[in-house]
Amino acid sequence: MSTERRRVALVTGAAKGIGHGIALRLATDGFDIGIVDLASQRNEAENLADRVRTLGQGATVISADVSDQRQVFEAVEETAGQLHGLDAMVNNAGIAQVKPLSEVTPEEFDQILSVNVASVLFGIQAAARKFRELGVRGRIVNACSIAGQSGFPMLGAYSATKFAVKGLTQAAAQELAADGITVNSYCPGIVGTSMWDTIDELMSRYNGLERGATMRKYAEGIALGRVETPEDVAGLVSFLVGRDAGYLTGQSVLIDGGMIYR
């Protein structure tokens, strides 16, 4: 009988949206899942854990604010302790902001930097320490965006955070390569989630279009002719944490159906 340890992945912002899709896909791939999200998302996170368990995988739910370094390190420790290891860290949590740059307040800028950038830094730090402790050649995957490849008007602060994630990904990949740890990012486009519903609604306040019109406008530029799903993104993450991606590091990979070409 095989005594091989089961693989473990931690996904932040996993209760809904892209993170939810990633967690379910990795569970299907055979990972036990550490589900990390805000306390306000506890019910959704527990429902996800139940679904992971029906797939025959272990799951643990941890309420944490990923903009707090201590809480991120504790979430990694708790996941590794309860699920007996850690092999992949998916720094997925993030927020959007729709506003012209001239109107962004210091408080708003601090918030989006904390959630979208600092959380990724803390996730890299915590995962790298745990991987080294366990002697694991782990995988770190970060949430970037097409807005980390090209700046978008009305999404200037958000774009800035995603460019920062791309930079962190490149630097971390080089610093951690000697330990066999890979670091990559995924760059989605227009994904049919509650975040994009919010972006669409806020855009309508500035451009005067009816709700739904902004998403339709952006979607017209997708070569493959449809809005992206969380499952589309999850398929790329599955590859990035899988055995076939062992020689890929420092990359921010576009998965947008054909919107931005680099």
C-alpha atoms as a PDB file:
ATOM      1  CA  MET A   1       0.000   0.000   0.000  1.00  0.00           C
ATOM      2  CA  SER A   2       1.332   3.462  -0.935  1.00  0.00           C
ATOM      3  CA  THR A   3       2.464   5.668   1.932  1.00  0.00           C
ATOM      4  CA  GLU A   4       2.875   8.771  -0.239  1.00  0.00           C
ATOM      5  CA  ARG A   5       1.723  11.900   1.568  1.00  0.00           C
ATOM      6  CA  ARG A   6      -1.301  13.674   0.143  1.00  0.00           C
ATOM      7  CA  ARG A   7      -0.615  17.037  -1.444  1.00  0.00           C
ATOM      8  CA  VAL A   8      -1.893  20.178   0.285  1.00  0.00           C
ATOM      9  CA  ALA A   9      -2.777  23.571  -1.199  1.00  0.00           C
ATOM     10  CA  LEU A  10      -3.794  26.753   0.585  1.00  0.00           C
ATOM     11  CA  VAL A  11      -6.035  29.162  -1.343  1.00  0.00           C
ATOM     12  CA  THR A  12      -6.758  32.676  -0.055  1.00  0.00           C
ATOM     13  CA  GLY A  13     -10.017  34.394  -0.914  1.00  0.00           C
ATOM     14  CA  ALA A  14     -11.412  30.943  -1.586  1.00  0.00           C
ATOM     15  CA  ALA A  15     -15.000  31.353  -0.413  1.00  0.00           C
ATOM     16  CA  LYS A  16     -16.300  32.611  -3.756  1.00  0.00           C
ATOM     17  CA  GLY A  17     -15.354  33.677  -7.264  1.00  0.00           C
ATOM     18  CA  ILE A  18     -12.042  32.656  -8.795  1.00  0.00           C
ATOM     19  CA  GLY A  19     -10.706  31.342  -5.484  1.00  0.00           C
ATOM     20  CA  HIS A  20     -13.710  29.045  -5.127  1.00  0.00           C
ATOM     21  CA  GLY A  21     -13.112  27.660  -8.603  1.00  0.00           C
ATOM     22  CA  ILE A  22      -9.414  27.137  -7.905  1.00  0.00           C
ATOM     23  CA  ALA A  23     -10.072  25.323  -4.636  1.00  0.00           C
ATOM     24  CA  LEU A  24     -12.541  22.923  -6.250  1.00  0.00           C
ATOM     25  CA  ARG A  25     -10.245  22.226  -9.205  1.00  0.00           C
ATOM     26  CA  LEU A  26      -7.261  21.502  -6.977  1.00  0.00           C
ATOM     27  CA  ALA A  27      -9.419  19.212  -4.840  1.00  0.00           C
ATOM     28  CA  THR A  28     -10.388  17.373  -8.028  1.00  0.00           C
ATOM     29  CA  ASP A  29      -6.666  17.103  -8.779  1.00  0.00           C
ATOM     30  CA  GLY A  30      -6.123  15.353  -5.455  1.00  0.00           C
ATOM     31  CA  PHE A  31      -5.088  18.202  -3.163  1.00  0.00           C
ATOM     32  CA  ASP A  32      -6.345  18.661   0.361  1.00  0.00           C
ATOM     33  CA  ILE A  33      -7.374  22.308   0.648  1.00  0.00           C
ATOM     34  CA  GLY A  34      -6.777  25.043   3.207  1.00  0.00           C
ATOM     35  CA  ILE A  35      -9.628  27.504   2.636  1.00  0.00           C
ATOM     36  CA  VAL A  36      -8.758  31.015   3.810  1.00  0.00           C
ATOM     37  CA  ASP A  37     -11.131  33.958   3.721  1.00  0.00           C
ATOM     38  CA  LEU A  38     -12.578  36.717   5.887  1.00  0.00           C
ATOM     39  CA  ALA A  39     -14.728  35.821   8.877  1.00  0.00           C
ATOM     40  CA  SER A  40     -17.687  37.417   7.072  1.00  0.00           C
ATOM     41  CA  GLN A  41     -17.366  34.683   4.425  1.00  0.00           C
ATOM     42  CA  ARG A  42     -17.315  31.822   6.932  1.00  0.00           C
ATOM     43  CA  ASN A  43     -20.578  30.206   5.834  1.00  0.00           C
ATOM     44  CA  GLU A  44     -19.542  30.180   2.185  1.00  0.00           C
ATOM     45  CA  ALA A  45     -16.115  28.823   3.142  1.00  0.00           C
ATOM     46  CA  GLU A  46     -17.668  26.005   5.181  1.00  0.00           C
ATOM     47  CA  ASN A  47     -19.954  25.117   2.278  1.00  0.00           C
ATOM     48  CA  LEU A  48     -16.910  24.920   0.031  1.00  0.00           C
ATOM     49  CA  ALA A  49     -15.145  22.694   2.557  1.00  0.00           C
ATOM     50  CA  ASP A  50     -18.108  20.330   2.479  1.00  0.00           C
ATOM     51  CA  ARG A  51     -17.870  20.141  -1.310  1.00  0.00           C
ATOM     52  CA  VAL A  52     -14.140  19.437  -1.134  1.00  0.00           C
ATOM     53  CA  ARG A  53     -14.787  16.607   1.302  1.00  0.00           C
ATOM     54  CA  THR A  54     -17.406  15.070  -1.007  1.00  0.00           C
ATOM     55  CA  LEU A  55     -14.581  14.828  -3.546  1.00  0.00           C
ATOM     56  CA  GLY A  56     -12.679  12.664  -1.080  1.00  0.00           C
ATOM     57  CA  GLN A  57     -10.210  15.354  -0.037  1.00  0.00           C
ATOM     58  CA  GLY A  58      -9.442  16.944   3.296  1.00  0.00           C
ATOM     59  CA  ALA A  59     -10.345  20.566   3.986  1.00  0.00           C
ATOM     60  CA  THR A  60      -9.852  23.094   6.730  1.00  0.00           C
ATOM     61  CA  VAL A  61     -11.422  26.547   6.986  1.00  0.00           C
ATOM     62  CA  ILE A  62      -9.455  29.466   8.405  1.00  0.00           C
ATOM     63  CA  SER A  63     -10.823  32.967   8.898  1.00  0.00           C
ATOM     64  CA  ALA A  64      -8.102  35.539   8.300  1.00  0.00           C
ATOM     65  CA  ASP A  65      -7.439  39.041   7.028  1.00  0.00           C
ATOM     66  CA  VAL A  66      -4.660  38.478   4.523  1.00  0.00           C
ATOM     67  CA  SER A  67      -3.516  42.093   4.740  1.00  0.00           C
ATOM     68  CA  ASP A  68      -2.219  41.248   8.237  1.00  0.00           C
ATOM     69  CA  GLN A  69       1.149  39.451   8.114  1.00  0.00           C
ATOM     70  CA  ARG A  70       0.634  37.637  11.407  1.00  0.00           C
ATOM     71  CA  GLN A  71      -2.697  36.214  10.281  1.00  0.00           C
ATOM     72  CA  VAL A  72      -1.224  34.978   6.995  1.00  0.00           C
ATOM     73  CA  PHE A  73       1.610  33.183   8.785  1.00  0.00           C
ATOM     74  CA  GLU A  74      -0.884  31.673  11.233  1.00  0.00           C
ATOM     75  CA  ALA A  75      -3.103  30.491   8.367  1.00  0.00           C
ATOM     76  CA  VAL A  76      -0.138  28.721   6.760  1.00  0.00           C
ATOM     77  CA  GLU A  77       0.823  27.122  10.061  1.00  0.00           C
ATOM     78  CA  GLU A  78      -2.743  25.984  10.743  1.00  0.00           C
ATOM     79  CA  THR A  79      -3.195  24.563   7.245  1.00  0.00           C
ATOM     80  CA  ALA A  80       0.089  22.659   7.385  1.00  0.00           C
ATOM     81  CA  GLY A  81      -0.686  21.391  10.876  1.00  0.00           C
ATOM     82  CA  GLN A  82      -4.236  20.221  10.234  1.00  0.00           C
ATOM     83  CA  LEU A  83      -3.647  18.808   6.746  1.00  0.00           C
ATOM     84  CA  HIS A  84      -0.132  17.492   7.450  1.00  0.00           C
ATOM     85  CA  GLY A  85       1.889  19.454   4.946  1.00  0.00           C
ATOM     86  CA  LEU A  86       1.941  22.224   2.385  1.00  0.00           C
ATOM     87  CA  ASP A  87       2.816  21.933  -1.296  1.00  0.00           C
ATOM     88  CA  ALA A  88       1.167  24.931  -2.941  1.00  0.00           C
ATOM     89  CA  MET A  89       0.224  28.458  -1.906  1.00  0.00           C
ATOM     90  CA  VAL A  90      -2.298  30.335  -4.038  1.00  0.00           C
ATOM     91  CA  ASN A  91      -2.368  34.026  -3.139  1.00  0.00           C
ATOM     92  CA  ASN A  92      -5.722  34.693  -4.757  1.00  0.00           C
ATOM     93  CA  ALA A  93      -7.426  37.217  -2.441  1.00  0.00           C
ATOM     94  CA  GLY A  94      -7.937  40.692  -3.829  1.00  0.00           C
ATOM     95  CA  ILE A  95     -10.268  43.639  -4.232  1.00  0.00           C
ATOM     96  CA  ALA A  96     -11.099  46.022  -7.062  1.00  0.00           C
ATOM     97  CA  GLN A  97     -11.459  49.784  -7.097  1.00  0.00           C
ATOM     98  CA  VAL A  98     -13.154  51.868  -9.782  1.00  0.00           C
ATOM     99  CA  LYS A  99     -12.260  55.541  -9.649  1.00  0.00           C
ATOM    100  CA  PRO A 100     -10.341  58.119 -11.645  1.00  0.00           C
ATOM    101  CA  LEU A 101      -6.875  58.542 -10.200  1.00  0.00           C
ATOM    102  CA  SER A 102      -7.646  62.159  -9.372  1.00  0.00           C
ATOM    103  CA  GLU A 103     -10.261  60.989  -6.849  1.00  0.00           C
ATOM    104  CA  VAL A 104      -8.394  58.152  -5.111  1.00  0.00           C
ATOM    105  CA  THR A 105      -7.901  58.982  -1.429  1.00  0.00           C
ATOM    106  CA  PRO A 106      -4.842  57.993   0.614  1.00  0.00           C
ATOM    107  CA  GLU A 107      -7.028  55.680   2.676  1.00  0.00           C
ATOM    108  CA  GLU A 108      -8.408  53.933  -0.399  1.00  0.00           C
ATOM    109  CA  PHE A 109      -4.949  53.552  -1.894  1.00  0.00           C
ATOM    110  CA  ASP A 110      -3.585  52.128   1.343  1.00  0.00           C
ATOM    111  CA  GLN A 111      -6.431  49.613   1.464  1.00  0.00           C
ATOM    112  CA  ILE A 112      -6.013  48.276  -2.057  1.00  0.00           C
ATOM    113  CA  LEU A 113      -2.239  48.079  -1.639  1.00  0.00           C
ATOM    114  CA  SER A 114      -2.679  46.150   1.617  1.00  0.00           C
ATOM    115  CA  VAL A 115      -5.135  43.623   0.214  1.00  0.00           C
ATOM    116  CA  ASN A 116      -3.719  43.166  -3.285  1.00  0.00           C
ATOM    117  CA  VAL A 117       0.022  43.577  -2.752  1.00  0.00           C
ATOM    118  CA  ALA A 118       0.975  43.195   0.909  1.00  0.00           C
ATOM    119  CA  SER A 119      -1.064  39.987   1.165  1.00  0.00           C
ATOM    120  CA  VAL A 120       0.896  38.502  -1.728  1.00  0.00           C
ATOM    121  CA  LEU A 121       4.199  39.458  -0.105  1.00  0.00           C
ATOM    122  CA  PHE A 122       3.090  37.915   3.198  1.00  0.00           C
ATOM    123  CA  GLY A 123       1.877  34.774   1.419  1.00  0.00           C
ATOM    124  CA  ILE A 124       5.210  34.389  -0.337  1.00  0.00           C
ATOM    125  CA  GLN A 125       7.078  34.873   2.944  1.00  0.00           C
ATOM    126  CA  ALA A 126       4.936  32.437   4.919  1.00  0.00           C
ATOM    127  CA  ALA A 127       4.848  29.745   2.239  1.00  0.00           C
ATOM    128  CA  ALA A 128       8.602  29.941   1.568  1.00  0.00           C
ATOM    129  CA  ARG A 129       9.376  29.534   5.256  1.00  0.00           C
ATOM    130  CA  LYS A 130       7.065  26.537   5.561  1.00  0.00           C
ATOM    131  CA  PHE A 131       8.359  24.910   2.367  1.00  0.00           C
ATOM    132  CA  ARG A 132      11.918  25.210   3.622  1.00  0.00           C
ATOM    133  CA  GLU A 133      10.945  23.822   7.019  1.00  0.00           C
ATOM    134  CA  LEU A 134       9.245  20.837   5.383  1.00  0.00           C
ATOM    135  CA  GLY A 135      11.919  20.341   2.742  1.00  0.00           C
ATOM    136  CA  VAL A 136       9.308  20.778   0.006  1.00  0.00           C
ATOM    137  CA  ARG A 137       9.956  22.103  -3.482  1.00  0.00           C
ATOM    138  CA  GLY A 138       6.733  24.059  -3.308  1.00  0.00           C
ATOM    139  CA  ARG A 139       4.700  26.122  -5.729  1.00  0.00           C
ATOM    140  CA  ILE A 140       3.565  29.703  -5.119  1.00  0.00           C
ATOM    141  CA  VAL A 141       0.928  31.146  -7.434  1.00  0.00           C
ATOM    142  CA  ASN A 142      -0.222  34.771  -7.258  1.00  0.00           C
ATOM    143  CA  ALA A 143      -3.264  36.617  -8.570  1.00  0.00           C
ATOM    144  CA  CYS A 144      -2.224  39.111 -11.206  1.00  0.00           C
ATOM    145  CA  SER A 145      -4.478  40.417 -14.015  1.00  0.00           C
ATOM    146  CA  ILE A 146      -4.549  41.783 -17.531  1.00  0.00           C
ATOM    147  CA  ALA A 147      -4.394  45.042 -15.554  1.00  0.00           C
ATOM    148  CA  GLY A 148      -0.924  43.950 -14.479  1.00  0.00           C
ATOM    149  CA  GLN A 149       0.091  43.864 -18.141  1.00  0.00           C
ATOM    150  CA  SER A 150      -1.632  47.064 -19.328  1.00  0.00           C
ATOM    151  CA  GLY A 151      -2.969  49.923 -17.231  1.00  0.00           C
ATOM    152  CA  PHE A 152      -6.706  50.556 -17.542  1.00  0.00           C
ATOM    153  CA  PRO A 153      -8.474  53.909 -17.060  1.00  0.00           C
ATOM    154  CA  MET A 154     -10.760  54.066 -14.008  1.00  0.00           C
ATOM    155  CA  LEU A 155      -8.831  51.073 -12.674  1.00  0.00           C
ATOM    156  CA  GLY A 156      -5.564  52.929 -12.133  1.00  0.00           C
ATOM    157  CA  ALA A 157      -4.973  52.015  -8.497  1.00  0.00           C
ATOM    158  CA  TYR A 158      -6.008  48.418  -9.174  1.00  0.00           C
ATOM    159  CA  SER A 159      -3.679  48.282 -12.179  1.00  0.00           C
ATOM    160  CA  ALA A 160      -0.820  49.595 -10.043  1.00  0.00           C
ATOM    161  CA  THR A 161      -1.322  46.788  -7.529  1.00  0.00           C
ATOM    162  CA  LYS A 162      -1.287  44.141 -10.225  1.00  0.00           C
ATOM    163  CA  PHE A 163       1.885  45.529 -11.796  1.00  0.00           C
ATOM    164  CA  ALA A 164       3.352  45.241  -8.284  1.00  0.00           C
ATOM    165  CA  VAL A 165       2.293  41.594  -8.063  1.00  0.00           C
ATOM    166  CA  LYS A 166       4.066  40.920 -11.343  1.00  0.00           C
ATOM    167  CA  GLY A 167       7.236  42.456  -9.916  1.00  0.00           C
ATOM    168  CA  LEU A 168       6.986  40.481  -6.680  1.00  0.00           C
ATOM    169  CA  THR A 169       6.501  37.313  -8.695  1.00  0.00           C
ATOM    170  CA  GLN A 170       9.632  37.898 -10.759  1.00  0.00           C
ATOM    171  CA  ALA A 171      11.786  38.814  -7.749  1.00  0.00           C
ATOM    172  CA  ALA A 172      10.524  35.957  -5.562  1.00  0.00           C
ATOM    173  CA  ALA A 173      11.087  33.444  -8.359  1.00  0.00           C
ATOM    174  CA  GLN A 174      14.746  34.418  -8.492  1.00  0.00           C
ATOM    175  CA  GLU A 175      15.240  34.503  -4.729  1.00  0.00           C
ATOM    176  CA  LEU A 176      13.571  31.131  -4.099  1.00  0.00           C
ATOM    177  CA  ALA A 177      14.879  29.186  -7.091  1.00  0.00           C
ATOM    178  CA  ALA A 178      17.811  27.751  -5.122  1.00  0.00           C
ATOM    179  CA  ASP A 179      15.273  26.028  -2.853  1.00  0.00           C
ATOM    180  CA  GLY A 180      13.426  24.530  -5.807  1.00  0.00           C
ATOM    181  CA  ILE A 181      10.400  26.758  -5.125  1.00  0.00           C
ATOM    182  CA  THR A 182       8.639  28.149  -8.182  1.00  0.00           C
ATOM    183  CA  VAL A 183       6.669  31.406  -8.209  1.00  0.00           C
ATOM    184  CA  ASN A 184       4.235  32.338 -10.983  1.00  0.00           C
ATOM    185  CA  SER A 185       1.101  34.415 -11.474  1.00  0.00           C
ATOM    186  CA  TYR A 186      -2.110  34.107 -13.449  1.00  0.00           C
ATOM    187  CA  CYS A 187      -3.537  37.084 -15.343  1.00  0.00           C
ATOM    188  CA  PRO A 188      -7.277  36.747 -15.995  1.00  0.00           C
ATOM    189  CA  GLY A 189      -9.363  39.089 -18.095  1.00  0.00           C
ATOM    190  CA  ILE A 190     -13.108  39.634 -17.782  1.00  0.00           C
ATOM    191  CA  VAL A 191     -14.326  36.936 -15.385  1.00  0.00           C
ATOM    192  CA  GLY A 192     -18.014  36.464 -14.638  1.00  0.00           C
ATOM    193  CA  THR A 193     -17.786  36.865 -10.853  1.00  0.00           C
ATOM    194  CA  SER A 194     -19.219  39.190  -8.214  1.00  0.00           C
ATOM    195  CA  MET A 195     -16.058  41.312  -8.460  1.00  0.00           C
ATOM    196  CA  TRP A 196     -16.770  42.085 -12.090  1.00  0.00           C
ATOM    197  CA  ASP A 197     -20.426  42.744 -11.260  1.00  0.00           C
ATOM    198  CA  THR A 198     -19.164  45.373  -8.812  1.00  0.00           C
ATOM    199  CA  ILE A 199     -16.749  46.848 -11.373  1.00  0.00           C
ATOM    200  CA  ASP A 200     -19.566  47.043 -13.903  1.00  0.00           C
ATOM    201  CA  GLU A 201     -21.905  48.763 -11.442  1.00  0.00           C
ATOM    202  CA  LEU A 202     -19.315  51.310 -10.348  1.00  0.00           C
ATOM    203  CA  MET A 203     -18.275  52.027 -13.940  1.00  0.00           C
ATOM    204  CA  SER A 204     -21.893  52.834 -14.780  1.00  0.00           C
ATOM    205  CA  ARG A 205     -21.838  55.688 -12.263  1.00  0.00           C
ATOM    206  CA  TYR A 206     -19.051  57.359 -14.223  1.00  0.00           C
ATOM    207  CA  ASN A 207     -19.838  56.506 -17.837  1.00  0.00           C
ATOM    208  CA  GLY A 208     -23.632  56.730 -17.646  1.00  0.00           C
ATOM    209  CA  LEU A 209     -24.157  53.319 -19.204  1.00  0.00           C
ATOM    210  CA  GLU A 210     -26.753  50.903 -17.888  1.00  0.00           C
ATOM    211  CA  ARG A 211     -25.629  48.080 -15.635  1.00  0.00           C
ATOM    212  CA  GLY A 212     -24.144  45.277 -17.684  1.00  0.00           C
ATOM    213  CA  ALA A 213     -23.143  47.538 -20.565  1.00  0.00           C
ATOM    214  CA  THR A 214     -19.550  47.996 -19.416  1.00  0.00           C
ATOM    215  CA  MET A 215     -18.976  44.253 -19.164  1.00  0.00           C
ATOM    216  CA  ARG A 216     -20.525  43.759 -22.593  1.00  0.00           C
ATOM    217  CA  LYS A 217     -18.284  46.482 -24.017  1.00  0.00           C
ATOM    218  CA  TYR A 218     -15.130  44.860 -22.656  1.00  0.00           C
ATOM    219  CA  ALA A 219     -16.335  41.392 -23.654  1.00  0.00           C
ATOM    220  CA  GLU A 220     -16.595  42.488 -27.282  1.00  0.00           C
ATOM    221  CA  GLY A 221     -12.795  42.601 -27.331  1.00  0.00           C
ATOM    222  CA  ILE A 222     -12.355  38.941 -26.316  1.00  0.00           C
ATOM    223  CA  ALA A 223     -11.120  36.941 -29.308  1.00  0.00           C
ATOM    224  CA  LEU A 224     -12.692  33.695 -28.100  1.00  0.00           C
ATOM    225  CA  GLY A 225     -16.060  35.404 -27.921  1.00  0.00           C
ATOM    226  CA  ARG A 226     -17.168  34.801 -24.343  1.00  0.00           C
ATOM    227  CA  VAL A 227     -16.649  36.013 -20.798  1.00  0.00           C
ATOM    228  CA  GLU A 228     -14.175  33.996 -18.742  1.00  0.00           C
ATOM    229  CA  THR A 229     -15.226  31.629 -15.951  1.00  0.00           C
ATOM    230  CA  PRO A 230     -13.468  30.819 -12.668  1.00  0.00           C
ATOM    231  CA  GLU A 231     -12.961  27.319 -14.052  1.00  0.00           C
ATOM    232  CA  ASP A 232     -10.921  28.735 -16.945  1.00  0.00           C
ATOM    233  CA  VAL A 233      -8.542  30.353 -14.463  1.00  0.00           C
ATOM    234  CA  ALA A 234      -8.501  27.269 -12.253  1.00  0.00           C
ATOM    235  CA  GLY A 235      -7.272  25.147 -15.144  1.00  0.00           C
ATOM    236  CA  LEU A 236      -4.172  27.315 -15.462  1.00  0.00           C
ATOM    237  CA  VAL A 237      -3.542  27.229 -11.708  1.00  0.00           C
ATOM    238  CA  SER A 238      -3.896  23.448 -11.812  1.00  0.00           C
ATOM    239  CA  PHE A 239      -1.066  23.365 -14.344  1.00  0.00           C
ATOM    240  CA  LEU A 240       1.110  25.841 -12.416  1.00  0.00           C
ATOM    241  CA  VAL A 241       0.982  23.760  -9.225  1.00  0.00           C
ATOM    242  CA  GLY A 242       1.195  20.458 -11.063  1.00  0.00           C
ATOM    243  CA  ARG A 243       4.155  18.256 -11.854  1.00  0.00           C
ATOM    244  CA  ASP A 244       4.470  19.419 -15.476  1.00  0.00           C
ATOM    245  CA  ALA A 245       5.217  23.040 -14.500  1.00  0.00           C
ATOM    246  CA  GLY A 246       8.378  22.302 -12.554  1.00  0.00           C
ATOM    247  CA  TYR A 247      10.570  24.249 -14.987  1.00  0.00           C
ATOM    248  CA  LEU A 248       8.314  27.320 -15.166  1.00  0.00           C
ATOM    249  CA  THR A 249       8.992  30.203 -12.787  1.00  0.00           C
ATOM    250  CA  GLY A 250       8.815  33.995 -12.637  1.00  0.00           C
ATOM    251  CA  GLN A 251       6.044  34.190 -15.239  1.00  0.00           C
ATOM    252  CA  SER A 252       2.763  36.095 -15.181  1.00  0.00           C
ATOM    253  CA  VAL A 253       0.668  34.085 -17.598  1.00  0.00           C
ATOM    254  CA  LEU A 254      -2.198  35.688 -19.498  1.00  0.00           C
ATOM    255  CA  ILE A 255      -5.442  33.737 -19.536  1.00  0.00           C
ATOM    256  CA  ASP A 256      -7.945  36.192 -20.967  1.00  0.00           C
ATOM    257  CA  GLY A 257      -9.460  34.560 -24.045  1.00  0.00           C
ATOM    258  CA  GLY A 258      -7.414  36.839 -26.265  1.00  0.00           C
ATOM    259  CA  MET A 259      -7.564  40.434 -25.048  1.00  0.00           C
ATOM    260  CA  ILE A 260      -3.985  41.436 -24.261  1.00  0.00           C
ATOM    261  CA  TYR A 261      -1.077  40.104 -26.337  1.00  0.00           C
ATOM    262  CA  ARG A 262       2.450  40.004 -24.912  1.00  0.00           C
END
